[in-house]
């Protein structure tokens, strides 16, 4: 949620400033949303609103509905209040974790291992995914809005697919974390995964397709993708790097407990004072009424994009996603 209004491409190098017309649309959405309590006001930075606009191809009406739905969800779900101890049991096998390295563009890296699923609770899996997303965002530098997903398919098979978790994951990522994915590396996906990609690809915009990279250890051409994105000395050996330390749940738990301490300060600072609220809580009814006639924010959703889809915990499935602006395709796990 940085205040910087730069947009990064999938390789992290392309950046463009918001122009006057786009800034006017951001201001219009602020007007339509109205006053907000402090945490939601902090969430609605110019950069955040721009992400929702990109996800809806700069359509103010659609972006406003999408953002209102997220504000309603955040007010009810309270993702910023999730702490490590609540989700630690979901993390024990290392199915999702934030790496201790970043890519060459400074972006946070989330490692995902769908074969390491250790829970049958959809609610628990989604809550842990949300915790991981919030932590990754907390650690983004000021000039980055997007992150990298490293998806390790070692040991993955069809038994790891869950349609229910996939749908829930797709919904949360698509609707509430638009434009957060910079690039997704699918590392050694099995052959049976290819038909999913074949079905999904026609629904993806070219910019979305370019965010999904297939990498195989026996293909020297794809190895360059990793070398271009990462410092190989710091990259895990599981992804072709030179660091063989592996995932240690005890060390990771210590890291997360320390990082949890930073969360309250993050949600009480604001570059400009939030507008005073006429009431003590968010007007969820007005959010609902606005969203109720929107259905799925973009009913036509003919293209897949970022949020929709890449991965939750452990089930891999290709789903159709919304115009996330620079999305990546919908590959999910449970």
C-alpha atoms as a PDB file:
ATOM      1  CA  UNK A   1       0.000   0.000   0.000  1.00  0.00           C
ATOM      2  CA  UNK A   2       2.716   2.448  -0.807  1.00  0.00           C
ATOM      3  CA  UNK A   3       1.888   6.018  -1.686  1.00  0.00           C
ATOM      4  CA  UNK A   4       4.093   5.787  -4.720  1.00  0.00           C
ATOM      5  CA  UNK A   5       1.970   5.756  -7.853  1.00  0.00           C
ATOM      6  CA  UNK A   6       4.330   3.786 -10.025  1.00  0.00           C
ATOM      7  CA  UNK A   7       3.296   0.641 -11.790  1.00  0.00           C
ATOM      8  CA  UNK A   8       5.656  -2.253 -12.318  1.00  0.00           C
ATOM      9  CA  UNK A   9       5.466  -4.683 -15.161  1.00  0.00           C
ATOM     10  CA  UNK A  10       5.916  -8.406 -14.687  1.00  0.00           C
ATOM     11  CA  UNK A  11       9.670  -8.045 -14.937  1.00  0.00           C
ATOM     12  CA  UNK A  12       9.685  -5.166 -12.493  1.00  0.00           C
ATOM     13  CA  UNK A  13      11.357  -2.709 -14.834  1.00  0.00           C
ATOM     14  CA  UNK A  14       8.535  -0.778 -16.470  1.00  0.00           C
ATOM     15  CA  UNK A  15       7.160   2.086 -14.413  1.00  0.00           C
ATOM     16  CA  UNK A  16       4.714   4.766 -15.397  1.00  0.00           C
ATOM     17  CA  UNK A  17       3.325   7.646 -13.395  1.00  0.00           C
ATOM     18  CA  UNK A  18      -0.376   8.261 -13.011  1.00  0.00           C
ATOM     19  CA  UNK A  19      -1.479  10.904 -15.501  1.00  0.00           C
ATOM     20  CA  UNK A  20      -3.919  13.731 -14.832  1.00  0.00           C
ATOM     21  CA  UNK A  21      -6.928  11.907 -16.230  1.00  0.00           C
ATOM     22  CA  UNK A  22      -6.203   8.856 -14.104  1.00  0.00           C
ATOM     23  CA  UNK A  23      -5.635  11.005 -11.024  1.00  0.00           C
ATOM     24  CA  UNK A  24      -9.033  12.588 -11.624  1.00  0.00           C
ATOM     25  CA  UNK A  25     -10.593   9.112 -11.600  1.00  0.00           C
ATOM     26  CA  UNK A  26      -8.859   8.329  -8.317  1.00  0.00           C
ATOM     27  CA  UNK A  27     -10.312  11.523  -6.840  1.00  0.00           C
ATOM     28  CA  UNK A  28     -13.755  10.642  -8.175  1.00  0.00           C
ATOM     29  CA  UNK A  29     -13.645   7.264  -6.434  1.00  0.00           C
ATOM     30  CA  UNK A  30     -12.653   8.973  -3.175  1.00  0.00           C
ATOM     31  CA  UNK A  31     -15.709  11.196  -3.535  1.00  0.00           C
ATOM     32  CA  UNK A  32     -17.997   8.254  -4.251  1.00  0.00           C
ATOM     33  CA  UNK A  33     -16.717   6.248  -1.282  1.00  0.00           C
ATOM     34  CA  UNK A  34     -16.889   9.135   1.191  1.00  0.00           C
ATOM     35  CA  UNK A  35     -15.371   9.357   4.690  1.00  0.00           C
ATOM     36  CA  UNK A  36     -13.837   6.222   6.160  1.00  0.00           C
ATOM     37  CA  UNK A  37     -12.529   5.103   9.565  1.00  0.00           C
ATOM     38  CA  UNK A  38      -8.768   5.270  10.001  1.00  0.00           C
ATOM     39  CA  UNK A  39      -7.674   1.781   8.892  1.00  0.00           C
ATOM     40  CA  UNK A  40      -9.796   1.826   5.757  1.00  0.00           C
ATOM     41  CA  UNK A  41      -8.708   5.373   4.990  1.00  0.00           C
ATOM     42  CA  UNK A  42      -5.076   4.235   5.200  1.00  0.00           C
ATOM     43  CA  UNK A  43      -5.899   1.309   2.935  1.00  0.00           C
ATOM     44  CA  UNK A  44      -7.364   3.651   0.314  1.00  0.00           C
ATOM     45  CA  UNK A  45      -4.123   5.307  -0.731  1.00  0.00           C
ATOM     46  CA  UNK A  46      -3.909   6.663  -4.259  1.00  0.00           C
ATOM     47  CA  UNK A  47      -1.801   3.643  -5.196  1.00  0.00           C
ATOM     48  CA  UNK A  48      -4.423   1.234  -3.853  1.00  0.00           C
ATOM     49  CA  UNK A  49      -7.280   2.956  -5.678  1.00  0.00           C
ATOM     50  CA  UNK A  50      -5.191   2.919  -8.856  1.00  0.00           C
ATOM     51  CA  UNK A  51      -4.847  -0.859  -8.528  1.00  0.00           C
ATOM     52  CA  UNK A  52      -8.612  -1.265  -8.451  1.00  0.00           C
ATOM     53  CA  UNK A  53      -8.946   1.019 -11.449  1.00  0.00           C
ATOM     54  CA  UNK A  54      -6.371  -0.988 -13.381  1.00  0.00           C
ATOM     55  CA  UNK A  55      -8.196  -4.164 -12.454  1.00  0.00           C
ATOM     56  CA  UNK A  56     -11.306  -2.704 -14.070  1.00  0.00           C
ATOM     57  CA  UNK A  57      -9.564  -1.052 -17.012  1.00  0.00           C
ATOM     58  CA  UNK A  58      -9.963   2.400 -15.435  1.00  0.00           C
ATOM     59  CA  UNK A  59     -13.750   2.150 -15.316  1.00  0.00           C
ATOM     60  CA  UNK A  60     -14.705   4.291 -12.304  1.00  0.00           C
ATOM     61  CA  UNK A  61     -18.081   2.661 -11.671  1.00  0.00           C
ATOM     62  CA  UNK A  62     -16.757  -0.903 -11.750  1.00  0.00           C
ATOM     63  CA  UNK A  63     -13.634  -0.030  -9.739  1.00  0.00           C
ATOM     64  CA  UNK A  64     -15.738   1.736  -7.087  1.00  0.00           C
ATOM     65  CA  UNK A  65     -17.999  -1.295  -6.668  1.00  0.00           C
ATOM     66  CA  UNK A  66     -14.983  -3.561  -6.431  1.00  0.00           C
ATOM     67  CA  UNK A  67     -13.280  -1.358  -3.857  1.00  0.00           C
ATOM     68  CA  UNK A  68     -16.460  -1.020  -1.776  1.00  0.00           C
ATOM     69  CA  UNK A  69     -16.726  -4.793  -1.638  1.00  0.00           C
ATOM     70  CA  UNK A  70     -13.151  -5.002  -0.386  1.00  0.00           C
ATOM     71  CA  UNK A  71     -13.761  -2.311   2.243  1.00  0.00           C
ATOM     72  CA  UNK A  72     -16.824  -4.220   3.450  1.00  0.00           C
ATOM     73  CA  UNK A  73     -14.803  -7.443   3.525  1.00  0.00           C
ATOM     74  CA  UNK A  74     -11.907  -5.834   5.403  1.00  0.00           C
ATOM     75  CA  UNK A  75     -14.258  -4.283   7.958  1.00  0.00           C
ATOM     76  CA  UNK A  76     -15.815  -7.697   8.635  1.00  0.00           C
ATOM     77  CA  UNK A  77     -12.903 -10.111   8.118  1.00  0.00           C
ATOM     78  CA  UNK A  78     -10.284  -7.809   9.696  1.00  0.00           C
ATOM     79  CA  UNK A  79      -7.262  -9.281   7.868  1.00  0.00           C
ATOM     80  CA  UNK A  80      -4.903  -6.844   9.575  1.00  0.00           C
ATOM     81  CA  UNK A  81      -5.790  -8.381  12.938  1.00  0.00           C
ATOM     82  CA  UNK A  82      -4.724 -11.939  12.064  1.00  0.00           C
ATOM     83  CA  UNK A  83      -1.640 -12.930  14.043  1.00  0.00           C
ATOM     84  CA  UNK A  84       0.844 -15.755  13.714  1.00  0.00           C
ATOM     85  CA  UNK A  85      -0.387 -17.780  16.666  1.00  0.00           C
ATOM     86  CA  UNK A  86      -3.829 -18.027  15.091  1.00  0.00           C
ATOM     87  CA  UNK A  87      -2.538 -19.538  11.836  1.00  0.00           C
ATOM     88  CA  UNK A  88       0.738 -21.184  12.892  1.00  0.00           C
ATOM     89  CA  UNK A  89      -0.694 -24.709  12.607  1.00  0.00           C
ATOM     90  CA  UNK A  90      -1.418 -24.089   8.905  1.00  0.00           C
ATOM     91  CA  UNK A  91       2.214 -23.122   8.300  1.00  0.00           C
ATOM     92  CA  UNK A  92       3.968 -26.110   9.835  1.00  0.00           C
ATOM     93  CA  UNK A  93       4.739 -27.888   6.556  1.00  0.00           C
ATOM     94  CA  UNK A  94       5.882 -24.790   4.676  1.00  0.00           C
ATOM     95  CA  UNK A  95       3.018 -24.862   2.181  1.00  0.00           C
ATOM     96  CA  UNK A  96       3.128 -21.051   1.950  1.00  0.00           C
ATOM     97  CA  UNK A  97       5.745 -18.748   3.400  1.00  0.00           C
ATOM     98  CA  UNK A  98       7.493 -15.484   2.693  1.00  0.00           C
ATOM     99  CA  UNK A  99      11.076 -16.098   1.660  1.00  0.00           C
ATOM    100  CA  UNK A 100      13.990 -14.316   3.344  1.00  0.00           C
ATOM    101  CA  UNK A 101      15.141 -13.036  -0.052  1.00  0.00           C
ATOM    102  CA  UNK A 102      13.594 -10.690  -2.611  1.00  0.00           C
ATOM    103  CA  UNK A 103      13.866 -10.594  -6.369  1.00  0.00           C
ATOM    104  CA  UNK A 104      16.205  -8.236  -8.232  1.00  0.00           C
ATOM    105  CA  UNK A 105      13.456  -5.613  -8.349  1.00  0.00           C
ATOM    106  CA  UNK A 106      12.959  -5.585  -4.589  1.00  0.00           C
ATOM    107  CA  UNK A 107       9.684  -7.473  -4.645  1.00  0.00           C
ATOM    108  CA  UNK A 108       8.519  -9.720  -1.828  1.00  0.00           C
ATOM    109  CA  UNK A 109       8.594 -13.432  -2.688  1.00  0.00           C
ATOM    110  CA  UNK A 110       5.933 -15.888  -1.524  1.00  0.00           C
ATOM    111  CA  UNK A 111       6.895 -19.559  -1.838  1.00  0.00           C
ATOM    112  CA  UNK A 112       4.007 -21.973  -2.344  1.00  0.00           C
ATOM    113  CA  UNK A 113       4.159 -25.769  -2.193  1.00  0.00           C
ATOM    114  CA  UNK A 114       0.750 -27.302  -2.988  1.00  0.00           C
ATOM    115  CA  UNK A 115       1.934 -30.827  -2.146  1.00  0.00           C
ATOM    116  CA  UNK A 116       2.588 -29.771   1.471  1.00  0.00           C
ATOM    117  CA  UNK A 117      -1.065 -29.309   2.406  1.00  0.00           C
ATOM    118  CA  UNK A 118      -1.663 -30.226   6.035  1.00  0.00           C
ATOM    119  CA  UNK A 119      -5.214 -29.061   6.660  1.00  0.00           C
ATOM    120  CA  UNK A 120      -8.735 -29.918   5.545  1.00  0.00           C
ATOM    121  CA  UNK A 121     -10.232 -26.702   6.876  1.00  0.00           C
ATOM    122  CA  UNK A 122     -11.161 -24.360   4.039  1.00  0.00           C
ATOM    123  CA  UNK A 123     -11.645 -21.541   6.516  1.00  0.00           C
ATOM    124  CA  UNK A 124      -8.219 -22.151   8.071  1.00  0.00           C
ATOM    125  CA  UNK A 125      -6.465 -22.385   4.717  1.00  0.00           C
ATOM    126  CA  UNK A 126      -7.977 -19.139   3.434  1.00  0.00           C
ATOM    127  CA  UNK A 127      -7.209 -17.325   6.677  1.00  0.00           C
ATOM    128  CA  UNK A 128      -3.573 -18.413   6.445  1.00  0.00           C
ATOM    129  CA  UNK A 129      -3.421 -17.316   2.793  1.00  0.00           C
ATOM    130  CA  UNK A 130      -4.763 -13.889   3.783  1.00  0.00           C
ATOM    131  CA  UNK A 131      -2.196 -13.666   6.592  1.00  0.00           C
ATOM    132  CA  UNK A 132       0.588 -14.451   4.098  1.00  0.00           C
ATOM    133  CA  UNK A 133      -0.687 -11.862   1.610  1.00  0.00           C
ATOM    134  CA  UNK A 134      -0.919  -9.171   4.288  1.00  0.00           C
ATOM    135  CA  UNK A 135       2.584  -9.994   5.515  1.00  0.00           C
ATOM    136  CA  UNK A 136       3.991  -9.884   1.986  1.00  0.00           C
ATOM    137  CA  UNK A 137       2.375  -6.491   1.393  1.00  0.00           C
ATOM    138  CA  UNK A 138       3.686  -5.227   4.727  1.00  0.00           C
ATOM    139  CA  UNK A 139       7.193  -5.992   3.482  1.00  0.00           C
ATOM    140  CA  UNK A 140       6.927  -4.420   0.031  1.00  0.00           C
ATOM    141  CA  UNK A 141       9.253  -1.445  -0.540  1.00  0.00           C
ATOM    142  CA  UNK A 142       7.703   1.981  -1.105  1.00  0.00           C
ATOM    143  CA  UNK A 143       8.108   1.796  -4.881  1.00  0.00           C
ATOM    144  CA  UNK A 144       6.500  -1.628  -5.338  1.00  0.00           C
ATOM    145  CA  UNK A 145       2.867  -2.680  -5.315  1.00  0.00           C
ATOM    146  CA  UNK A 146       3.416  -6.240  -6.508  1.00  0.00           C
ATOM    147  CA  UNK A 147       5.000  -9.460  -5.354  1.00  0.00           C
ATOM    148  CA  UNK A 148       6.446 -12.667  -6.811  1.00  0.00           C
ATOM    149  CA  UNK A 149       4.980 -16.140  -6.356  1.00  0.00           C
ATOM    150  CA  UNK A 150       7.305 -19.142  -6.537  1.00  0.00           C
ATOM    151  CA  UNK A 151       5.193 -22.267  -6.901  1.00  0.00           C
ATOM    152  CA  UNK A 152       7.013 -25.540  -6.334  1.00  0.00           C
ATOM    153  CA  UNK A 153       5.149 -28.519  -7.825  1.00  0.00           C
ATOM    154  CA  UNK A 154       7.480 -31.163  -6.390  1.00  0.00           C
ATOM    155  CA  UNK A 155       5.353 -34.077  -5.208  1.00  0.00           C
ATOM    156  CA  UNK A 156       2.133 -32.586  -6.512  1.00  0.00           C
ATOM    157  CA  UNK A 157      -0.637 -34.853  -7.790  1.00  0.00           C
ATOM    158  CA  UNK A 158      -4.371 -34.734  -8.481  1.00  0.00           C
ATOM    159  CA  UNK A 159      -5.221 -35.602  -4.875  1.00  0.00           C
ATOM    160  CA  UNK A 160      -4.034 -32.129  -3.891  1.00  0.00           C
ATOM    161  CA  UNK A 161      -6.765 -30.420  -5.921  1.00  0.00           C
ATOM    162  CA  UNK A 162      -9.772 -29.038  -4.050  1.00  0.00           C
ATOM    163  CA  UNK A 163     -12.408 -27.197  -6.078  1.00  0.00           C
ATOM    164  CA  UNK A 164     -13.903 -25.597  -2.967  1.00  0.00           C
ATOM    165  CA  UNK A 165     -10.623 -24.145  -1.753  1.00  0.00           C
ATOM    166  CA  UNK A 166      -9.726 -23.141  -5.300  1.00  0.00           C
ATOM    167  CA  UNK A 167     -12.961 -21.176  -5.667  1.00  0.00           C
ATOM    168  CA  UNK A 168     -12.516 -19.489  -2.296  1.00  0.00           C
ATOM    169  CA  UNK A 169      -8.884 -18.673  -3.062  1.00  0.00           C
ATOM    170  CA  UNK A 170      -9.745 -17.271  -6.469  1.00  0.00           C
ATOM    171  CA  UNK A 171     -12.453 -15.075  -4.976  1.00  0.00           C
ATOM    172  CA  UNK A 172     -10.286 -13.616  -2.219  1.00  0.00           C
ATOM    173  CA  UNK A 173      -7.282 -12.969  -4.438  1.00  0.00           C
ATOM    174  CA  UNK A 174      -9.300 -11.677  -7.348  1.00  0.00           C
ATOM    175  CA  UNK A 175     -11.684  -9.411  -5.507  1.00  0.00           C
ATOM    176  CA  UNK A 176      -9.581  -8.163  -2.605  1.00  0.00           C
ATOM    177  CA  UNK A 177      -5.946  -8.203  -3.771  1.00  0.00           C
ATOM    178  CA  UNK A 178      -6.078  -6.818  -7.322  1.00  0.00           C
ATOM    179  CA  UNK A 179      -2.859  -6.049  -9.166  1.00  0.00           C
ATOM    180  CA  UNK A 180      -0.710  -7.572  -6.439  1.00  0.00           C
ATOM    181  CA  UNK A 181       0.935 -10.225  -8.596  1.00  0.00           C
ATOM    182  CA  UNK A 182       4.021  -9.217 -10.547  1.00  0.00           C
ATOM    183  CA  UNK A 183       5.091 -12.643 -11.791  1.00  0.00           C
ATOM    184  CA  UNK A 184       4.272 -16.258 -10.969  1.00  0.00           C
ATOM    185  CA  UNK A 185       6.901 -18.953 -11.472  1.00  0.00           C
ATOM    186  CA  UNK A 186       5.443 -22.434 -11.952  1.00  0.00           C
ATOM    187  CA  UNK A 187       8.399 -24.638 -11.094  1.00  0.00           C
ATOM    188  CA  UNK A 188       8.340 -28.151 -12.570  1.00  0.00           C
ATOM    189  CA  UNK A 189       4.568 -28.423 -13.043  1.00  0.00           C
ATOM    190  CA  UNK A 190       3.457 -31.991 -13.916  1.00  0.00           C
ATOM    191  CA  UNK A 191       2.387 -32.904 -17.432  1.00  0.00           C
ATOM    192  CA  UNK A 192      -1.269 -33.194 -16.472  1.00  0.00           C
ATOM    193  CA  UNK A 193      -1.191 -29.524 -15.544  1.00  0.00           C
ATOM    194  CA  UNK A 194      -0.650 -28.432 -19.149  1.00  0.00           C
ATOM    195  CA  UNK A 195      -4.274 -29.007 -20.269  1.00  0.00           C
ATOM    196  CA  UNK A 196      -5.438 -26.573 -17.582  1.00  0.00           C
ATOM    197  CA  UNK A 197      -3.157 -23.935 -19.030  1.00  0.00           C
ATOM    198  CA  UNK A 198      -4.360 -24.668 -22.560  1.00  0.00           C
ATOM    199  CA  UNK A 199      -7.952 -24.088 -21.465  1.00  0.00           C
ATOM    200  CA  UNK A 200      -7.199 -20.931 -19.472  1.00  0.00           C
ATOM    201  CA  UNK A 201      -4.821 -19.173 -21.846  1.00  0.00           C
ATOM    202  CA  UNK A 202      -7.440 -17.933 -24.359  1.00  0.00           C
ATOM    203  CA  UNK A 203      -9.184 -16.103 -21.512  1.00  0.00           C
ATOM    204  CA  UNK A 204      -6.018 -14.259 -20.519  1.00  0.00           C
ATOM    205  CA  UNK A 205      -4.950 -10.905 -21.812  1.00  0.00           C
ATOM    206  CA  UNK A 206      -1.410 -10.896 -23.245  1.00  0.00           C
ATOM    207  CA  UNK A 207      -0.072  -8.946 -20.256  1.00  0.00           C
ATOM    208  CA  UNK A 208      -1.577 -11.564 -17.962  1.00  0.00           C
ATOM    209  CA  UNK A 209      -0.133 -14.446 -19.935  1.00  0.00           C
ATOM    210  CA  UNK A 210       3.279 -12.850 -19.674  1.00  0.00           C
ATOM    211  CA  UNK A 211       3.129 -12.979 -15.876  1.00  0.00           C
ATOM    212  CA  UNK A 212       2.992 -16.760 -15.732  1.00  0.00           C
ATOM    213  CA  UNK A 213       6.367 -18.420 -16.288  1.00  0.00           C
ATOM    214  CA  UNK A 214       6.846 -22.175 -16.628  1.00  0.00           C
ATOM    215  CA  UNK A 215      10.278 -23.264 -15.435  1.00  0.00           C
ATOM    216  CA  UNK A 216      11.769 -26.772 -15.601  1.00  0.00           C
ATOM    217  CA  UNK A 217      15.046 -27.918 -14.079  1.00  0.00           C
ATOM    218  CA  UNK A 218      15.927 -29.899 -17.204  1.00  0.00           C
ATOM    219  CA  UNK A 219      15.367 -26.956 -19.537  1.00  0.00           C
ATOM    220  CA  UNK A 220      18.390 -24.624 -19.736  1.00  0.00           C
ATOM    221  CA  UNK A 221      16.328 -22.014 -21.561  1.00  0.00           C
ATOM    222  CA  UNK A 222      13.930 -21.559 -18.658  1.00  0.00           C
ATOM    223  CA  UNK A 223      16.775 -21.442 -16.147  1.00  0.00           C
ATOM    224  CA  UNK A 224      17.555 -17.964 -17.470  1.00  0.00           C
ATOM    225  CA  UNK A 225      14.165 -16.807 -16.175  1.00  0.00           C
ATOM    226  CA  UNK A 226      15.356 -17.531 -12.636  1.00  0.00           C
ATOM    227  CA  UNK A 227      18.767 -15.960 -13.204  1.00  0.00           C
ATOM    228  CA  UNK A 228      17.162 -12.791 -14.556  1.00  0.00           C
ATOM    229  CA  UNK A 229      14.843 -12.493 -11.556  1.00  0.00           C
ATOM    230  CA  UNK A 230      16.949 -13.659  -8.621  1.00  0.00           C
ATOM    231  CA  UNK A 231      20.407 -13.584  -7.097  1.00  0.00           C
ATOM    232  CA  UNK A 232      21.228 -17.272  -7.401  1.00  0.00           C
ATOM    233  CA  UNK A 233      23.342 -17.246  -4.233  1.00  0.00           C
ATOM    234  CA  UNK A 234      20.267 -16.303  -2.212  1.00  0.00           C
ATOM    235  CA  UNK A 235      17.689 -18.381  -4.091  1.00  0.00           C
ATOM    236  CA  UNK A 236      16.662 -21.716  -2.551  1.00  0.00           C
ATOM    237  CA  UNK A 237      18.227 -24.840  -4.033  1.00  0.00           C
ATOM    238  CA  UNK A 238      14.704 -26.201  -4.623  1.00  0.00           C
ATOM    239  CA  UNK A 239      14.387 -23.535  -7.323  1.00  0.00           C
ATOM    240  CA  UNK A 240      17.869 -23.981  -8.766  1.00  0.00           C
ATOM    241  CA  UNK A 241      19.630 -21.563  -6.437  1.00  0.00           C
ATOM    242  CA  UNK A 242      22.619 -22.050  -4.145  1.00  0.00           C
ATOM    243  CA  UNK A 243      20.951 -21.715  -0.742  1.00  0.00           C
ATOM    244  CA  UNK A 244      20.255 -25.177   0.668  1.00  0.00           C
ATOM    245  CA  UNK A 245      19.203 -24.107   4.159  1.00  0.00           C
ATOM    246  CA  UNK A 246      15.573 -25.076   3.528  1.00  0.00           C
ATOM    247  CA  UNK A 247      12.412 -24.109   5.396  1.00  0.00           C
ATOM    248  CA  UNK A 248      12.632 -24.178   9.194  1.00  0.00           C
ATOM    249  CA  UNK A 249       9.274 -23.720  10.904  1.00  0.00           C
ATOM    250  CA  UNK A 250      10.848 -22.657  14.205  1.00  0.00           C
ATOM    251  CA  UNK A 251      12.930 -19.914  12.633  1.00  0.00           C
ATOM    252  CA  UNK A 252      10.020 -18.831  10.490  1.00  0.00           C
ATOM    253  CA  UNK A 253       7.709 -18.661  13.493  1.00  0.00           C
ATOM    254  CA  UNK A 254      10.214 -16.407  15.258  1.00  0.00           C
ATOM    255  CA  UNK A 255      10.335 -14.123  12.217  1.00  0.00           C
ATOM    256  CA  UNK A 256       6.568 -13.885  11.982  1.00  0.00           C
ATOM    257  CA  UNK A 257       6.120 -13.119  15.674  1.00  0.00           C
ATOM    258  CA  UNK A 258       8.548 -10.236  15.337  1.00  0.00           C
ATOM    259  CA  UNK A 259       6.828  -8.966  12.216  1.00  0.00           C
ATOM    260  CA  UNK A 260       3.419  -9.132  13.863  1.00  0.00           C
ATOM    261  CA  UNK A 261       4.659  -6.431  16.206  1.00  0.00           C
ATOM    262  CA  UNK A 262       4.973  -4.044  13.267  1.00  0.00           C
ATOM    263  CA  UNK A 263       1.378  -4.389  12.130  1.00  0.00           C
ATOM    264  CA  UNK A 264      -0.341  -1.938  14.544  1.00  0.00           C
ATOM    265  CA  UNK A 265       2.032   0.880  13.578  1.00  0.00           C
ATOM    266  CA  UNK A 266       1.419   0.198   9.894  1.00  0.00           C
ATOM    267  CA  UNK A 267      -2.317   0.666  10.351  1.00  0.00           C
ATOM    268  CA  UNK A 268      -2.142   3.808  12.450  1.00  0.00           C
ATOM    269  CA  UNK A 269       0.171   5.842  10.275  1.00  0.00           C
ATOM    270  CA  UNK A 270      -1.178   7.881   7.450  1.00  0.00           C
ATOM    271  CA  UNK A 271       0.435  10.398   5.146  1.00  0.00           C
ATOM    272  CA  UNK A 272      -2.557  12.655   5.547  1.00  0.00           C
ATOM    273  CA  UNK A 273      -5.073  12.665   8.392  1.00  0.00           C
ATOM    274  CA  UNK A 274      -8.142  10.587   7.578  1.00  0.00           C
ATOM    275  CA  UNK A 275     -11.395  12.426   7.135  1.00  0.00           C
ATOM    276  CA  UNK A 276     -13.541  12.451  10.276  1.00  0.00           C
ATOM    277  CA  UNK A 277     -16.207   9.803  10.373  1.00  0.00           C
ATOM    278  CA  UNK A 278     -19.783  10.919  10.896  1.00  0.00           C
ATOM    279  CA  UNK A 279     -20.456   7.574  12.583  1.00  0.00           C
ATOM    280  CA  UNK A 280     -18.357   5.184  14.599  1.00  0.00           C
ATOM    281  CA  UNK A 281     -18.284   2.369  12.085  1.00  0.00           C
ATOM    282  CA  UNK A 282     -18.224   1.702   8.392  1.00  0.00           C
ATOM    283  CA  UNK A 283     -21.556   1.936   6.635  1.00  0.00           C
ATOM    284  CA  UNK A 284     -21.670  -1.674   5.514  1.00  0.00           C
ATOM    285  CA  UNK A 285     -25.242  -1.337   4.350  1.00  0.00           C
ATOM    286  CA  UNK A 286     -24.338   1.240   1.749  1.00  0.00           C
ATOM    287  CA  UNK A 287     -21.454  -0.962   0.619  1.00  0.00           C
ATOM    288  CA  UNK A 288     -23.843  -3.879   0.295  1.00  0.00           C
ATOM    289  CA  UNK A 289     -26.471  -2.021  -1.655  1.00  0.00           C
ATOM    290  CA  UNK A 290     -23.935  -0.756  -4.106  1.00  0.00           C
ATOM    291  CA  UNK A 291     -22.464  -4.164  -4.615  1.00  0.00           C
ATOM    292  CA  UNK A 292     -25.710  -6.049  -4.708  1.00  0.00           C
ATOM    293  CA  UNK A 293     -26.575  -4.915  -8.179  1.00  0.00           C
ATOM    294  CA  UNK A 294     -23.088  -5.483  -9.420  1.00  0.00           C
ATOM    295  CA  UNK A 295     -23.038  -9.224  -9.006  1.00  0.00           C
ATOM    296  CA  UNK A 296     -19.556 -10.185  -9.947  1.00  0.00           C
ATOM    297  CA  UNK A 297     -17.997  -6.843 -10.335  1.00  0.00           C
ATOM    298  CA  UNK A 298     -17.283  -7.335 -13.962  1.00  0.00           C
ATOM    299  CA  UNK A 299     -19.990  -9.584 -15.238  1.00  0.00           C
ATOM    300  CA  UNK A 300     -18.384 -10.179 -18.589  1.00  0.00           C
ATOM    301  CA  UNK A 301     -14.992 -11.108 -17.126  1.00  0.00           C
ATOM    302  CA  UNK A 302     -13.717 -12.511 -20.332  1.00  0.00           C
ATOM    303  CA  UNK A 303     -10.093 -12.359 -19.334  1.00  0.00           C
ATOM    304  CA  UNK A 304      -8.250 -13.750 -16.393  1.00  0.00           C
ATOM    305  CA  UNK A 305      -5.936 -11.691 -14.322  1.00  0.00           C
ATOM    306  CA  UNK A 306      -3.793 -11.529 -11.239  1.00  0.00           C
ATOM    307  CA  UNK A 307      -5.853 -11.843  -8.277  1.00  0.00           C
ATOM    308  CA  UNK A 308      -7.872 -14.555  -9.546  1.00  0.00           C
ATOM    309  CA  UNK A 309      -5.852 -17.001  -9.422  1.00  0.00           C
ATOM    310  CA  UNK A 310      -2.584 -18.168  -8.652  1.00  0.00           C
ATOM    311  CA  UNK A 311      -2.645 -20.301  -5.728  1.00  0.00           C
ATOM    312  CA  UNK A 312      -3.909 -20.471  -2.392  1.00  0.00           C
ATOM    313  CA  UNK A 313      -2.817 -23.359  -0.425  1.00  0.00           C
ATOM    314  CA  UNK A 314      -2.951 -26.381  -2.257  1.00  0.00           C
ATOM    315  CA  UNK A 315      -5.092 -27.118  -5.125  1.00  0.00           C
ATOM    316  CA  UNK A 316      -4.090 -26.306  -8.575  1.00  0.00           C
ATOM    317  CA  UNK A 317      -6.736 -25.387 -10.957  1.00  0.00           C
ATOM    318  CA  UNK A 318      -6.980 -22.939 -13.758  1.00  0.00           C
ATOM    319  CA  UNK A 319      -9.885 -20.594 -13.340  1.00  0.00           C
ATOM    320  CA  UNK A 320     -11.114 -17.582 -15.115  1.00  0.00           C
ATOM    321  CA  UNK A 321     -10.205 -14.318 -13.485  1.00  0.00           C
ATOM    322  CA  UNK A 322     -11.088 -10.718 -13.793  1.00  0.00           C
ATOM    323  CA  UNK A 323      -9.304  -7.975 -15.622  1.00  0.00           C
ATOM    324  CA  UNK A 324      -6.832  -7.463 -12.937  1.00  0.00           C
ATOM    325  CA  UNK A 325      -4.950  -5.081 -14.999  1.00  0.00           C
ATOM    326  CA  UNK A 326      -1.761  -6.999 -14.858  1.00  0.00           C
ATOM    327  CA  UNK A 327      -2.892 -10.234 -13.648  1.00  0.00           C
ATOM    328  CA  UNK A 328      -1.524 -13.554 -13.897  1.00  0.00           C
ATOM    329  CA  UNK A 329      -3.576 -16.487 -14.699  1.00  0.00           C
ATOM    330  CA  UNK A 330      -5.615 -18.333 -12.263  1.00  0.00           C
ATOM    331  CA  UNK A 331      -3.721 -21.183 -10.989  1.00  0.00           C
ATOM    332  CA  UNK A 332      -4.675 -22.083  -7.541  1.00  0.00           C
ATOM    333  CA  UNK A 333      -3.941 -24.515  -4.974  1.00  0.00           C
ATOM    334  CA  UNK A 334      -5.422 -25.542  -1.849  1.00  0.00           C
END
